[in-house]
């Protein structure tokens, strides 16, 4: 009977300690994630635009096979812009 009473005594004390805990402020983490989301949006836009310019110059000169990497670069930049920023925004509970 002694061990049971001891366990119940500590269980009651630990629940009181659990209720006494304060809240945690994650505003700094939210600000950091917003910064990452902004960076992903700008980086995706720059990568996409750079790929399109690269592909466009290659196509204007008639070298269509050389333009394919630029088109894939533009596709990658669009993925960073859309999925990257959307995923980071979902971590903070915000949408684009």
C-alpha atoms as a PDB file:
ATOM      1  CA  UNK A   1       0.000   0.000   0.000  1.00  0.00           C
ATOM      2  CA  UNK A   2       2.943   2.323   0.668  1.00  0.00           C
ATOM      3  CA  UNK A   3       4.296   2.383  -2.903  1.00  0.00           C
ATOM      4  CA  UNK A   4       0.818   3.064  -4.285  1.00  0.00           C
ATOM      5  CA  UNK A   5       0.316   6.047  -1.982  1.00  0.00           C
ATOM      6  CA  UNK A   6       3.763   7.366  -2.844  1.00  0.00           C
ATOM      7  CA  UNK A   7       3.040   7.080  -6.584  1.00  0.00           C
ATOM      8  CA  UNK A   8      -0.313   8.843  -6.174  1.00  0.00           C
ATOM      9  CA  UNK A   9       1.324  11.600  -4.151  1.00  0.00           C
ATOM     10  CA  UNK A  10       3.910  12.280  -6.863  1.00  0.00           C
ATOM     11  CA  UNK A  11       1.274  12.040  -9.614  1.00  0.00           C
ATOM     12  CA  UNK A  12      -0.757  14.781  -7.954  1.00  0.00           C
ATOM     13  CA  UNK A  13       2.291  16.991  -7.514  1.00  0.00           C
ATOM     14  CA  UNK A  14       3.430  16.569 -11.116  1.00  0.00           C
ATOM     15  CA  UNK A  15       0.030  17.567 -12.493  1.00  0.00           C
ATOM     16  CA  UNK A  16       0.155  20.748 -10.414  1.00  0.00           C
ATOM     17  CA  UNK A  17       3.563  21.519 -11.872  1.00  0.00           C
ATOM     18  CA  UNK A  18       2.271  20.855 -15.381  1.00  0.00           C
ATOM     19  CA  UNK A  19      -0.526  23.372 -14.913  1.00  0.00           C
ATOM     20  CA  UNK A  20       1.905  25.958 -13.578  1.00  0.00           C
ATOM     21  CA  UNK A  21       3.958  26.102 -16.781  1.00  0.00           C
ATOM     22  CA  UNK A  22       3.881  29.300 -18.768  1.00  0.00           C
ATOM     23  CA  UNK A  23       3.348  29.801 -22.459  1.00  0.00           C
ATOM     24  CA  UNK A  24       6.056  29.892 -25.102  1.00  0.00           C
ATOM     25  CA  UNK A  25       6.448  32.798 -27.489  1.00  0.00           C
ATOM     26  CA  UNK A  26       7.196  31.720 -31.059  1.00  0.00           C
ATOM     27  CA  UNK A  27       6.978  35.180 -32.638  1.00  0.00           C
ATOM     28  CA  UNK A  28      10.710  35.110 -33.396  1.00  0.00           C
ATOM     29  CA  UNK A  29      10.393  31.767 -35.164  1.00  0.00           C
ATOM     30  CA  UNK A  30       7.424  33.043 -37.164  1.00  0.00           C
ATOM     31  CA  UNK A  31       9.402  36.104 -38.218  1.00  0.00           C
ATOM     32  CA  UNK A  32      12.333  33.910 -39.262  1.00  0.00           C
ATOM     33  CA  UNK A  33      10.082  31.614 -41.293  1.00  0.00           C
ATOM     34  CA  UNK A  34       8.486  34.639 -42.966  1.00  0.00           C
ATOM     35  CA  UNK A  35      12.006  35.744 -43.925  1.00  0.00           C
ATOM     36  CA  UNK A  36      12.711  32.301 -45.416  1.00  0.00           C
ATOM     37  CA  UNK A  37       9.412  32.420 -47.301  1.00  0.00           C
ATOM     38  CA  UNK A  38      10.245  35.839 -48.741  1.00  0.00           C
ATOM     39  CA  UNK A  39      13.690  34.584 -49.756  1.00  0.00           C
ATOM     40  CA  UNK A  40      12.146  31.522 -51.450  1.00  0.00           C
ATOM     41  CA  UNK A  41       9.763  33.745 -53.391  1.00  0.00           C
ATOM     42  CA  UNK A  42      12.504  36.109 -54.598  1.00  0.00           C
ATOM     43  CA  UNK A  43      14.974  33.290 -55.314  1.00  0.00           C
ATOM     44  CA  UNK A  44      12.354  31.349 -57.271  1.00  0.00           C
ATOM     45  CA  UNK A  45      11.448  34.417 -59.292  1.00  0.00           C
ATOM     46  CA  UNK A  46      15.105  35.186 -60.089  1.00  0.00           C
ATOM     47  CA  UNK A  47      15.851  31.560 -61.050  1.00  0.00           C
ATOM     48  CA  UNK A  48      12.729  31.369 -63.215  1.00  0.00           C
ATOM     49  CA  UNK A  49      13.435  34.671 -64.955  1.00  0.00           C
ATOM     50  CA  UNK A  50      17.096  33.783 -65.487  1.00  0.00           C
ATOM     51  CA  UNK A  51      16.163  30.430 -67.006  1.00  0.00           C
ATOM     52  CA  UNK A  52      13.642  32.037 -69.319  1.00  0.00           C
ATOM     53  CA  UNK A  53      16.123  34.679 -70.467  1.00  0.00           C
ATOM     54  CA  UNK A  54      18.788  32.020 -71.044  1.00  0.00           C
ATOM     55  CA  UNK A  55      16.356  29.840 -73.007  1.00  0.00           C
ATOM     56  CA  UNK A  56      14.990  32.800 -74.957  1.00  0.00           C
ATOM     57  CA  UNK A  57      18.437  33.922 -76.096  1.00  0.00           C
ATOM     58  CA  UNK A  58      19.313  30.380 -77.163  1.00  0.00           C
ATOM     59  CA  UNK A  59      16.041  30.025 -79.073  1.00  0.00           C
ATOM     60  CA  UNK A  60      16.474  33.362 -80.849  1.00  0.00           C
ATOM     61  CA  UNK A  61      19.858  32.236 -82.107  1.00  0.00           C
ATOM     62  CA  UNK A  62      18.310  29.017 -83.430  1.00  0.00           C
ATOM     63  CA  UNK A  63      19.986  26.630 -80.991  1.00  0.00           C
ATOM     64  CA  UNK A  64      16.845  24.999 -79.629  1.00  0.00           C
ATOM     65  CA  UNK A  65      18.619  22.035 -78.063  1.00  0.00           C
ATOM     66  CA  UNK A  66      20.792  24.396 -76.040  1.00  0.00           C
ATOM     67  CA  UNK A  67      17.655  26.103 -74.728  1.00  0.00           C
ATOM     68  CA  UNK A  68      16.359  22.954 -72.986  1.00  0.00           C
ATOM     69  CA  UNK A  69      18.496  23.407 -69.817  1.00  0.00           C
ATOM     70  CA  UNK A  70      17.216  26.971 -69.520  1.00  0.00           C
ATOM     71  CA  UNK A  71      13.631  25.760 -69.727  1.00  0.00           C
ATOM     72  CA  UNK A  72      14.308  23.206 -67.003  1.00  0.00           C
ATOM     73  CA  UNK A  73      15.895  25.982 -64.953  1.00  0.00           C
ATOM     74  CA  UNK A  74      12.751  28.061 -65.372  1.00  0.00           C
ATOM     75  CA  UNK A  75      10.672  25.070 -64.293  1.00  0.00           C
ATOM     76  CA  UNK A  76      12.879  24.596 -61.235  1.00  0.00           C
ATOM     77  CA  UNK A  77      12.535  28.287 -60.353  1.00  0.00           C
ATOM     78  CA  UNK A  78       8.758  28.021 -60.629  1.00  0.00           C
ATOM     79  CA  UNK A  79       8.857  25.028 -58.288  1.00  0.00           C
ATOM     80  CA  UNK A  80      10.898  26.953 -55.734  1.00  0.00           C
ATOM     81  CA  UNK A  81       8.535  29.894 -56.062  1.00  0.00           C
ATOM     82  CA  UNK A  82       5.332  27.879 -55.741  1.00  0.00           C
ATOM     83  CA  UNK A  83       6.039  24.793 -53.693  1.00  0.00           C
ATOM     84  CA  UNK A  84       8.906  26.181 -51.630  1.00  0.00           C
ATOM     85  CA  UNK A  85       7.139  29.326 -50.482  1.00  0.00           C
ATOM     86  CA  UNK A  86       3.862  27.415 -50.051  1.00  0.00           C
ATOM     87  CA  UNK A  87       5.515  24.762 -47.888  1.00  0.00           C
ATOM     88  CA  UNK A  88       7.262  27.335 -45.701  1.00  0.00           C
ATOM     89  CA  UNK A  89       3.984  29.261 -45.409  1.00  0.00           C
ATOM     90  CA  UNK A  90       2.190  26.104 -44.298  1.00  0.00           C
ATOM     91  CA  UNK A  91       4.695  25.685 -41.466  1.00  0.00           C
ATOM     92  CA  UNK A  92       3.771  29.075 -40.036  1.00  0.00           C
ATOM     93  CA  UNK A  93       0.037  28.671 -40.650  1.00  0.00           C
ATOM     94  CA  UNK A  94      -0.028  31.357 -43.318  1.00  0.00           C
ATOM     95  CA  UNK A  95      -0.831  31.006 -46.964  1.00  0.00           C
ATOM     96  CA  UNK A  96       0.690  32.835 -49.897  1.00  0.00           C
END
